[in-house]
Amino acid sequence: MRLNWCAGCGGGHNFGDQLGPILLRHYGIKVEWAKPAQAEIITVGSILSKIPNGWRGTVLGTGFIRAGMHKDLSRARVLAVRGELTRKACGLPLGTQLGDLGILVSDLPRDVAPRVPALVIPHYVDHDLAARHPRAALVPITSDPAAILGAIAAADLVISSSLHVLIAADALGVPHIVEPHPLVIGGMFKFRDYASAFGERILPGVERLTPRRAMEDRQQELRYLVGTLR
């Protein structure tokens, strides 16, 4: 299956941008990278704006990177978009499923890591976050995804400027705080879009965790949608 993801972001090793192919392969779906216009499917990442209007592929759990974007998905197979903000921007029906496919990282294998009270994983453009939390453990966002997931699972609190680090923490049941960085495109838009799928809000500097029942229900819905790809 031809899948588009940001293969060059973070030198090709950005955690969130690797999750699309990792997840689909985990579920037994063979994928290869393709340019947006030639892709058959897009999943994890804020990449919905990259496909052309009238695209005929499958949208599963992706969204826009910032406010003010729009896309004609009238010919696409829309299984799910990240959140309410993306759904409204595309003029999709209210019944369109919501949820970022990244919440399925709880199904992926992960390394065993030592327990830490606080973990910092900055976005790859953020060179300030770690200095604000000198006592927290630090893991680069370009580390092996299994190592990142293991470190998140072993933390009591995760602090990040990366959306998919926070999504992974949320999926794994770890409280998390977003500290936005001005160089991360879109400000809080994509964070709010993500949280809206659960009818929740996410605010800078405020610890949160999606209720477990709501998370488990959304995970099960997305697993079912992945199954329709086979």
Protein backbone atom coordinates (compact mmCIF):
# COMPACT_ATOMS: atom_id res chain seq x y z
CA MET A 1 0.00 0.00 0.00
CA ARG A 2 1.38 3.41 -0.95
CA LEU A 3 1.58 5.56 2.18
CA ASN A 4 2.71 9.14 2.55
CA TRP A 5 4.51 10.38 5.65
CA CYS A 6 7.11 13.07 6.31
CA ALA A 7 10.13 10.91 5.59
CA GLY A 8 12.60 13.78 5.99
CA CYS A 9 11.32 15.42 9.19
CA GLY A 10 13.84 15.39 12.00
CA GLY A 11 16.43 14.00 9.63
CA GLY A 12 14.06 11.14 8.84
CA HIS A 13 13.87 10.05 12.48
CA ASN A 14 11.13 12.21 13.97
CA PHE A 15 9.06 10.04 16.32
CA GLY A 16 5.59 11.09 15.21
CA ASP A 17 6.32 10.93 11.51
CA GLN A 18 7.56 7.35 11.80
CA LEU A 19 4.40 6.07 13.47
CA GLY A 20 2.26 5.71 10.32
CA PRO A 21 4.39 3.05 8.62
CA ILE A 22 5.34 1.43 11.95
CA LEU A 23 1.71 1.00 12.98
CA LEU A 24 0.44 -0.30 9.64
CA ARG A 25 3.31 -2.78 9.38
CA HIS A 26 2.63 -3.89 12.95
CA TYR A 27 -0.91 -4.79 11.87
CA GLY A 28 0.40 -6.79 8.90
CA ILE A 29 -0.13 -4.19 6.18
CA LYS A 30 2.75 -3.78 3.74
CA VAL A 31 3.50 -0.14 2.97
CA GLU A 32 5.92 1.87 0.89
CA TRP A 33 6.50 5.63 0.86
CA ALA A 34 4.83 7.64 -1.89
CA LYS A 35 4.40 11.30 -2.75
CA PRO A 36 1.08 12.73 -1.49
CA ALA A 37 -0.62 12.77 -4.90
CA GLN A 38 0.37 9.14 -5.59
CA ALA A 39 -0.35 7.81 -2.10
CA GLU A 40 -3.24 5.45 -1.43
CA ILE A 41 -3.47 6.38 2.25
CA ILE A 42 -2.35 8.97 4.79
CA THR A 43 -2.37 8.35 8.53
CA VAL A 44 -0.23 9.76 11.35
CA GLY A 45 1.09 13.31 11.10
CA SER A 46 -0.23 16.80 10.38
CA ILE A 47 -0.08 16.17 6.65
CA LEU A 48 -3.65 16.47 5.41
CA SER A 49 -2.84 19.72 3.60
CA LYS A 50 -0.29 17.95 1.40
CA ILE A 51 -2.72 15.87 -0.63
CA PRO A 52 -4.37 17.53 -3.65
CA ASN A 53 -8.03 18.52 -3.70
CA GLY A 54 -10.12 15.71 -5.16
CA TRP A 55 -7.63 13.07 -3.97
CA ARG A 56 -9.13 9.57 -4.09
CA GLY A 57 -7.14 7.83 -1.35
CA THR A 58 -7.93 6.86 2.24
CA VAL A 59 -7.69 9.22 5.21
CA LEU A 60 -7.18 7.52 8.56
CA GLY A 61 -6.45 9.57 11.66
CA THR A 62 -4.56 12.57 10.31
CA GLY A 63 -5.23 16.29 10.45
CA PHE A 64 -4.13 19.81 9.62
CA ILE A 65 -1.05 21.44 11.12
CA ARG A 66 -2.59 24.87 11.67
CA ALA A 67 -5.80 26.85 11.50
CA GLY A 68 -7.08 28.25 8.22
CA MET A 69 -6.41 25.16 6.11
CA HIS A 70 -9.08 23.44 4.00
CA LYS A 71 -9.21 20.41 1.74
CA ASP A 72 -11.77 18.92 -0.63
CA LEU A 73 -12.13 15.29 0.47
CA SER A 74 -15.34 14.61 -1.44
CA ARG A 75 -13.68 11.83 -3.49
CA ALA A 76 -11.59 10.38 -0.66
CA ARG A 77 -12.43 7.47 1.59
CA VAL A 78 -12.45 9.23 4.96
CA LEU A 79 -12.30 6.67 7.76
CA ALA A 80 -11.26 9.14 10.46
CA VAL A 81 -9.65 12.54 10.94
CA ARG A 82 -7.70 13.67 13.98
CA GLY A 83 -10.32 15.90 15.58
CA GLU A 84 -13.25 18.24 15.42
CA LEU A 85 -11.19 21.18 14.10
CA THR A 86 -10.03 19.18 11.08
CA ARG A 87 -13.50 17.74 10.52
CA LYS A 88 -15.03 21.22 10.42
CA ALA A 89 -12.26 22.59 8.18
CA CYS A 90 -12.99 19.87 5.61
CA GLY A 91 -16.76 20.25 5.83
CA LEU A 92 -17.14 16.60 6.75
CA PRO A 93 -20.36 15.15 8.21
CA LEU A 94 -20.73 15.14 12.00
CA GLY A 95 -20.73 11.35 11.92
CA THR A 96 -17.17 11.24 10.59
CA GLN A 97 -15.01 9.29 13.02
CA LEU A 98 -12.45 11.22 15.05
CA GLY A 99 -9.11 10.16 16.47
CA ASP A 100 -5.38 10.29 15.78
CA LEU A 101 -4.05 6.88 14.74
CA GLY A 102 -1.08 7.53 17.02
CA ILE A 103 -3.15 6.44 20.03
CA LEU A 104 -2.59 2.86 18.87
CA VAL A 105 1.07 3.03 19.96
CA SER A 106 -0.08 1.13 23.04
CA ASP A 107 -0.14 -1.94 20.76
CA LEU A 108 3.51 -1.56 19.72
CA PRO A 109 6.49 -3.29 21.37
CA ARG A 110 8.55 -1.02 23.61
CA ASP A 111 11.81 -1.18 25.48
CA VAL A 112 12.02 -1.53 29.24
CA ALA A 113 13.23 1.70 30.85
CA PRO A 114 13.96 2.81 34.42
CA ARG A 115 11.20 4.59 36.32
CA VAL A 116 11.55 8.39 36.37
CA PRO A 117 9.40 11.08 38.02
CA ALA A 118 9.49 13.35 34.95
CA LEU A 119 10.52 12.90 31.33
CA VAL A 120 11.22 15.63 28.78
CA ILE A 121 11.05 14.90 25.04
CA PRO A 122 11.28 18.14 23.05
CA HIS A 123 10.13 18.62 19.46
CA TYR A 124 13.16 18.48 17.18
CA VAL A 125 13.07 22.27 16.66
CA ASP A 126 12.79 22.95 20.40
CA HIS A 127 16.17 23.59 22.05
CA ASP A 128 14.77 25.30 25.15
CA LEU A 129 12.53 22.76 26.89
CA ALA A 130 15.21 20.61 28.51
CA ALA A 131 16.90 23.64 30.08
CA ARG A 132 13.64 24.57 31.80
CA HIS A 133 13.46 21.12 33.40
CA PRO A 134 17.05 20.24 34.38
CA ARG A 135 15.99 17.57 36.87
CA ALA A 136 13.85 15.66 34.37
CA ALA A 137 15.15 12.75 32.31
CA LEU A 138 15.72 13.65 28.67
CA VAL A 139 15.15 11.50 25.60
CA PRO A 140 15.72 12.90 22.08
CA ILE A 141 12.69 12.71 19.81
CA THR A 142 14.88 11.14 17.11
CA SER A 143 15.63 8.10 19.29
CA ASP A 144 14.40 4.64 18.31
CA PRO A 145 10.58 4.62 18.67
CA ALA A 146 10.65 1.53 20.91
CA ALA A 147 13.05 3.36 23.24
CA ILE A 148 10.83 6.46 23.28
CA LEU A 149 7.73 4.41 24.05
CA GLY A 150 9.53 2.55 26.82
CA ALA A 151 10.76 5.79 28.38
CA ILE A 152 7.26 7.30 28.24
CA ALA A 153 5.68 4.23 29.81
CA ALA A 154 8.19 4.39 32.67
CA ALA A 155 7.60 8.07 33.47
CA ASP A 156 5.22 9.53 36.04
CA LEU A 157 4.88 12.69 33.94
CA VAL A 158 5.81 13.57 30.35
CA ILE A 159 6.57 17.14 29.26
CA SER A 160 6.87 17.89 25.55
CA SER A 161 6.36 20.35 22.73
CA SER A 162 5.66 17.45 20.33
CA LEU A 163 2.09 16.42 19.67
CA HIS A 164 2.81 12.75 19.11
CA VAL A 165 4.93 12.43 22.22
CA LEU A 166 1.91 13.66 24.17
CA ILE A 167 -0.42 11.37 22.20
CA ALA A 168 1.82 8.42 23.07
CA ALA A 169 1.79 9.40 26.75
CA ASP A 170 -2.00 9.73 26.63
CA ALA A 171 -2.38 6.33 24.98
CA LEU A 172 -0.09 4.71 27.55
CA GLY A 173 -1.91 6.27 30.49
CA VAL A 174 0.84 8.70 31.50
CA PRO A 175 -0.10 12.27 32.57
CA HIS A 176 1.41 14.89 30.30
CA ILE A 177 1.97 18.62 29.85
CA VAL A 178 2.38 20.52 26.60
CA GLU A 179 4.82 23.43 26.60
CA PRO A 180 4.51 24.97 23.11
CA HIS A 181 7.55 26.26 21.27
CA PRO A 182 7.26 29.18 18.82
CA LEU A 183 9.12 27.29 16.08
CA VAL A 184 6.60 24.42 16.11
CA ILE A 185 4.19 25.29 13.28
CA GLY A 186 0.56 25.86 14.17
CA GLY A 187 0.82 26.75 17.83
CA MET A 188 -1.80 24.90 19.87
CA PHE A 189 -4.08 24.11 16.89
CA LYS A 190 -3.13 20.45 16.42
CA PHE A 191 -3.07 19.80 20.17
CA ARG A 192 -6.60 21.18 20.53
CA ASP A 193 -7.68 19.25 17.45
CA TYR A 194 -6.42 16.03 19.02
CA ALA A 195 -8.11 16.61 22.39
CA SER A 196 -11.40 17.54 20.71
CA ALA A 197 -11.78 13.92 19.57
CA PHE A 198 -12.46 13.12 23.24
CA GLY A 199 -14.56 16.22 23.89
CA GLU A 200 -11.70 17.60 25.98
CA ARG A 201 -9.45 20.65 26.11
CA ILE A 202 -5.68 20.83 26.28
CA LEU A 203 -3.98 23.94 27.64
CA PRO A 204 -0.30 24.95 27.78
CA GLY A 205 1.33 24.09 31.08
CA VAL A 206 -1.68 22.18 32.41
CA GLU A 207 -1.34 18.50 33.27
CA ARG A 208 -3.96 16.25 31.67
CA LEU A 209 -4.85 12.66 30.86
CA THR A 210 -7.80 11.45 28.79
CA PRO A 211 -10.18 9.25 30.83
CA ARG A 212 -9.25 5.61 30.28
CA ARG A 213 -12.67 4.44 29.11
CA ALA A 214 -12.83 7.15 26.46
CA MET A 215 -9.31 6.29 25.30
CA GLU A 216 -9.98 2.55 25.15
CA ASP A 217 -13.20 3.06 23.21
CA ARG A 218 -11.48 5.28 20.64
CA GLN A 219 -8.56 2.87 20.33
CA GLN A 220 -10.94 0.02 19.62
CA GLU A 221 -12.74 2.06 16.96
CA LEU A 222 -9.46 2.84 15.21
CA ARG A 223 -8.27 -0.78 15.39
CA TYR A 224 -11.48 -1.75 13.62
CA LEU A 225 -10.87 0.84 10.90
CA VAL A 226 -7.30 -0.40 10.39
CA GLY A 227 -8.78 -3.87 9.92
CA THR A 228 -10.84 -2.60 6.98
CA LEU A 229 -7.62 -1.85 5.11
CA ARG A 230 -6.65 -5.52 4.78
